[in-house]
Amino acid sequence: MQLDDGELALICQLLNSCLLISLATSSPHLHSLTSHQKAMLQQTKDEVEANWKNSKWGLIATEMEKKGANKYHADFLLKEWKKMEITRAENEAAAATAAATAATAATAAGGNALLAAAQQAVENADEGDEEAEDEAED
């Protein structure tokens, strides 16, 4: 069965109007929440995240035990992980500080080298001027 252009156009118009009606009737539900619904959203999100946190660290403890580690409580592993993150952050900060210090020293050394090179160039130019004056006098 083949449709002619008029039938295709009619079908497209019907589909478009159905989509527009659907969007118009559903959009208030999709784009705004009442203050009560916002509070419910916040509470539900917090509950889900708390449950997930507990479940996640429980799963980690179980998987570690399967891999041959001692049996650890989820809370203990979470505390250990936080300590590891603090140590990692401190090490990264120390490395960044060392890099910045080295960069500053290198810049200063480079600046001193540039200054010395500029002074040498001025001296060389002065000597060149003196030689040109001597040649001009001869």
C-alpha atoms as a PDB file:
ATOM      1  CA  MET A   1       0.000   0.000   0.000  1.00  0.00           C
ATOM      2  CA  GLN A   2       1.356   3.328  -1.015  1.00  0.00           C
ATOM      3  CA  LEU A   3       0.203   6.707   0.264  1.00  0.00           C
ATOM      4  CA  ASP A   4      -0.083   9.749  -1.939  1.00  0.00           C
ATOM      5  CA  ASP A   5       1.311  13.147  -0.986  1.00  0.00           C
ATOM      6  CA  GLY A   6      -1.988  14.405   0.394  1.00  0.00           C
ATOM      7  CA  GLU A   7      -2.355  11.413   2.706  1.00  0.00           C
ATOM      8  CA  LEU A   8       1.237  11.783   3.912  1.00  0.00           C
ATOM      9  CA  ALA A   9       0.674  15.475   4.611  1.00  0.00           C
ATOM     10  CA  LEU A  10      -2.487  14.684   6.598  1.00  0.00           C
ATOM     11  CA  ILE A  11      -0.657  12.055   8.658  1.00  0.00           C
ATOM     12  CA  CYS A  12       2.165  14.510   9.387  1.00  0.00           C
ATOM     13  CA  GLN A  13      -0.329  17.181  10.475  1.00  0.00           C
ATOM     14  CA  LEU A  14      -2.051  14.717  12.807  1.00  0.00           C
ATOM     15  CA  LEU A  15       1.229  13.592  14.324  1.00  0.00           C
ATOM     16  CA  ASN A  16       2.393  17.171  14.836  1.00  0.00           C
ATOM     17  CA  SER A  17      -0.861  18.173  16.509  1.00  0.00           C
ATOM     18  CA  CYS A  18      -0.728  15.082  18.753  1.00  0.00           C
ATOM     19  CA  LEU A  19       2.829  15.928  19.766  1.00  0.00           C
ATOM     20  CA  LEU A  20       1.928  19.554  20.451  1.00  0.00           C
ATOM     21  CA  ILE A  21      -1.058  18.537  22.566  1.00  0.00           C
ATOM     22  CA  SER A  22       1.079  16.050  24.473  1.00  0.00           C
ATOM     23  CA  LEU A  23       3.782  18.628  25.141  1.00  0.00           C
ATOM     24  CA  ALA A  24       1.271  21.287  26.117  1.00  0.00           C
ATOM     25  CA  THR A  25      -0.501  19.069  28.614  1.00  0.00           C
ATOM     26  CA  SER A  26       2.636  17.517  30.098  1.00  0.00           C
ATOM     27  CA  SER A  27       4.929  20.554  30.182  1.00  0.00           C
ATOM     28  CA  PRO A  28       3.647  22.008  33.497  1.00  0.00           C
ATOM     29  CA  HIS A  29       4.472  18.694  35.152  1.00  0.00           C
ATOM     30  CA  LEU A  30       7.907  18.585  33.590  1.00  0.00           C
ATOM     31  CA  HIS A  31       8.981  22.177  34.141  1.00  0.00           C
ATOM     32  CA  SER A  32       7.842  23.169  37.598  1.00  0.00           C
ATOM     33  CA  LEU A  33       7.626  21.699  41.066  1.00  0.00           C
ATOM     34  CA  THR A  34       5.686  23.009  43.999  1.00  0.00           C
ATOM     35  CA  SER A  35       7.634  23.935  47.110  1.00  0.00           C
ATOM     36  CA  HIS A  36       6.332  20.725  48.731  1.00  0.00           C
ATOM     37  CA  GLN A  37       7.582  18.673  45.766  1.00  0.00           C
ATOM     38  CA  LYS A  38      10.968  20.429  45.901  1.00  0.00           C
ATOM     39  CA  ALA A  39      11.290  19.566  49.587  1.00  0.00           C
ATOM     40  CA  MET A  40      10.297  15.983  48.799  1.00  0.00           C
ATOM     41  CA  LEU A  41      12.890  15.868  46.020  1.00  0.00           C
ATOM     42  CA  GLN A  42      15.638  17.065  48.374  1.00  0.00           C
ATOM     43  CA  GLN A  43      14.640  14.592  51.090  1.00  0.00           C
ATOM     44  CA  THR A  44      14.405  11.684  48.648  1.00  0.00           C
ATOM     45  CA  LYS A  45      17.749  12.541  47.065  1.00  0.00           C
ATOM     46  CA  ASP A  46      19.428  12.662  50.480  1.00  0.00           C
ATOM     47  CA  GLU A  47      17.887   9.311  51.483  1.00  0.00           C
ATOM     48  CA  VAL A  48      18.909   7.618  48.246  1.00  0.00           C
ATOM     49  CA  GLU A  49      22.454   8.984  48.473  1.00  0.00           C
ATOM     50  CA  ALA A  50      22.784   7.853  52.104  1.00  0.00           C
ATOM     51  CA  ASN A  51      21.500   4.392  51.217  1.00  0.00           C
ATOM     52  CA  TRP A  52      23.772   4.242  48.207  1.00  0.00           C
ATOM     53  CA  LYS A  53      26.792   5.278  50.276  1.00  0.00           C
ATOM     54  CA  ASN A  54      26.124   2.506  52.772  1.00  0.00           C
ATOM     55  CA  SER A  55      25.458  -0.038  50.028  1.00  0.00           C
ATOM     56  CA  LYS A  56      28.508   1.019  48.032  1.00  0.00           C
ATOM     57  CA  TRP A  57      30.973   0.602  50.887  1.00  0.00           C
ATOM     58  CA  GLY A  58      29.317  -2.674  51.890  1.00  0.00           C
ATOM     59  CA  LEU A  59      29.831  -3.949  48.338  1.00  0.00           C
ATOM     60  CA  ILE A  60      33.434  -2.791  48.384  1.00  0.00           C
ATOM     61  CA  ALA A  61      34.040  -4.644  51.672  1.00  0.00           C
ATOM     62  CA  THR A  62      32.475  -7.807  50.230  1.00  0.00           C
ATOM     63  CA  GLU A  63      34.513  -7.609  47.013  1.00  0.00           C
ATOM     64  CA  MET A  64      37.752  -7.031  48.931  1.00  0.00           C
ATOM     65  CA  GLU A  65      37.049 -10.103  51.031  1.00  0.00           C
ATOM     66  CA  LYS A  66      36.407 -12.121  47.847  1.00  0.00           C
ATOM     67  CA  LYS A  67      39.796 -10.985  46.560  1.00  0.00           C
ATOM     68  CA  GLY A  68      41.516 -12.305  49.668  1.00  0.00           C
ATOM     69  CA  ALA A  69      41.546  -9.329  52.037  1.00  0.00           C
ATOM     70  CA  ASN A  70      40.458  -9.555  55.647  1.00  0.00           C
ATOM     71  CA  LYS A  71      36.812  -8.917  56.407  1.00  0.00           C
ATOM     72  CA  TYR A  72      36.387  -5.197  57.021  1.00  0.00           C
ATOM     73  CA  HIS A  73      33.381  -3.170  58.057  1.00  0.00           C
ATOM     74  CA  ALA A  74      32.125  -0.694  55.453  1.00  0.00           C
ATOM     75  CA  ASP A  75      32.534   2.284  57.810  1.00  0.00           C
ATOM     76  CA  PHE A  76      36.177   1.381  58.441  1.00  0.00           C
ATOM     77  CA  LEU A  77      36.897   1.213  54.707  1.00  0.00           C
ATOM     78  CA  LEU A  78      35.200   4.568  54.145  1.00  0.00           C
ATOM     79  CA  LYS A  79      37.366   6.181  56.856  1.00  0.00           C
ATOM     80  CA  GLU A  80      40.505   4.630  55.387  1.00  0.00           C
ATOM     81  CA  TRP A  81      39.527   5.866  51.920  1.00  0.00           C
ATOM     82  CA  LYS A  82      39.074   9.404  53.233  1.00  0.00           C
ATOM     83  CA  LYS A  83      42.525   9.242  54.864  1.00  0.00           C
ATOM     84  CA  MET A  84      43.991   8.070  51.550  1.00  0.00           C
ATOM     85  CA  GLU A  85      42.296  10.967  49.734  1.00  0.00           C
ATOM     86  CA  ILE A  86      43.660  13.480  52.257  1.00  0.00           C
ATOM     87  CA  THR A  87      47.168  12.054  51.898  1.00  0.00           C
ATOM     88  CA  ARG A  88      46.859  12.105  48.102  1.00  0.00           C
ATOM     89  CA  ALA A  89      45.655  15.723  48.170  1.00  0.00           C
ATOM     90  CA  GLU A  90      48.492  16.732  50.496  1.00  0.00           C
ATOM     91  CA  ASN A  91      51.045  15.025  48.229  1.00  0.00           C
ATOM     92  CA  GLU A  92      49.592  16.741  45.174  1.00  0.00           C
ATOM     93  CA  ALA A  93      49.665  20.108  46.945  1.00  0.00           C
ATOM     94  CA  ALA A  94      53.283  19.549  47.999  1.00  0.00           C
ATOM     95  CA  ALA A  95      54.220  18.581  44.454  1.00  0.00           C
ATOM     96  CA  ALA A  96      52.451  21.652  43.064  1.00  0.00           C
ATOM     97  CA  THR A  97      54.238  23.879  45.579  1.00  0.00           C
ATOM     98  CA  ALA A  98      57.594  22.326  44.690  1.00  0.00           C
ATOM     99  CA  ALA A  99      56.892  22.787  40.993  1.00  0.00           C
ATOM    100  CA  ALA A 100      55.903  26.415  41.514  1.00  0.00           C
ATOM    101  CA  THR A 101      59.034  27.044  43.570  1.00  0.00           C
ATOM    102  CA  ALA A 102      61.193  25.420  40.905  1.00  0.00           C
ATOM    103  CA  ALA A 103      59.447  27.437  38.197  1.00  0.00           C
ATOM    104  CA  THR A 104      60.004  30.647  40.140  1.00  0.00           C
ATOM    105  CA  ALA A 105      63.668  29.811  40.658  1.00  0.00           C
ATOM    106  CA  ALA A 106      64.066  28.919  36.985  1.00  0.00           C
ATOM    107  CA  THR A 107      62.374  32.150  35.973  1.00  0.00           C
ATOM    108  CA  ALA A 108      64.618  34.121  38.276  1.00  0.00           C
ATOM    109  CA  ALA A 109      67.681  32.314  36.975  1.00  0.00           C
ATOM    110  CA  GLY A 110      66.491  32.844  33.432  1.00  0.00           C
ATOM    111  CA  GLY A 111      65.862  36.493  34.201  1.00  0.00           C
ATOM    112  CA  ASN A 112      69.367  36.838  35.614  1.00  0.00           C
ATOM    113  CA  ALA A 113      70.761  35.125  32.533  1.00  0.00           C
ATOM    114  CA  LEU A 114      68.772  37.472  30.284  1.00  0.00           C
ATOM    115  CA  LEU A 115      69.982  40.483  32.245  1.00  0.00           C
ATOM    116  CA  ALA A 116      73.592  39.293  31.971  1.00  0.00           C
ATOM    117  CA  ALA A 117      73.155  38.680  28.240  1.00  0.00           C
ATOM    118  CA  ALA A 118      71.665  42.146  27.773  1.00  0.00           C
ATOM    119  CA  GLN A 119      74.524  43.737  29.703  1.00  0.00           C
ATOM    120  CA  GLN A 120      77.010  41.798  27.592  1.00  0.00           C
ATOM    121  CA  ALA A 121      75.258  42.955  24.431  1.00  0.00           C
ATOM    122  CA  VAL A 122      75.441  46.572  25.606  1.00  0.00           C
ATOM    123  CA  GLU A 123      79.131  46.180  26.408  1.00  0.00           C
ATOM    124  CA  ASN A 124      79.735  44.579  23.024  1.00  0.00           C
ATOM    125  CA  ALA A 125      77.858  47.405  21.345  1.00  0.00           C
ATOM    126  CA  ASP A 126      79.881  49.977  23.265  1.00  0.00           C
ATOM    127  CA  GLU A 127      83.089  48.254  22.205  1.00  0.00           C
ATOM    128  CA  GLY A 128      81.831  48.179  18.627  1.00  0.00           C
ATOM    129  CA  ASP A 129      81.066  51.905  18.822  1.00  0.00           C
ATOM    130  CA  GLU A 130      84.554  52.609  20.177  1.00  0.00           C
ATOM    131  CA  GLU A 131      86.104  50.547  17.388  1.00  0.00           C
ATOM    132  CA  ALA A 132      84.007  52.396  14.793  1.00  0.00           C
ATOM    133  CA  GLU A 133      85.096  55.734  16.267  1.00  0.00           C
ATOM    134  CA  ASP A 134      88.732  54.624  16.205  1.00  0.00           C
ATOM    135  CA  GLU A 135      88.375  53.563  12.570  1.00  0.00           C
ATOM    136  CA  ALA A 136      86.693  56.864  11.726  1.00  0.00           C
ATOM    137  CA  GLU A 137      89.542  58.808  13.314  1.00  0.00           C
ATOM    138  CA  ASP A 138      92.103  56.841  11.326  1.00  0.00           C
END
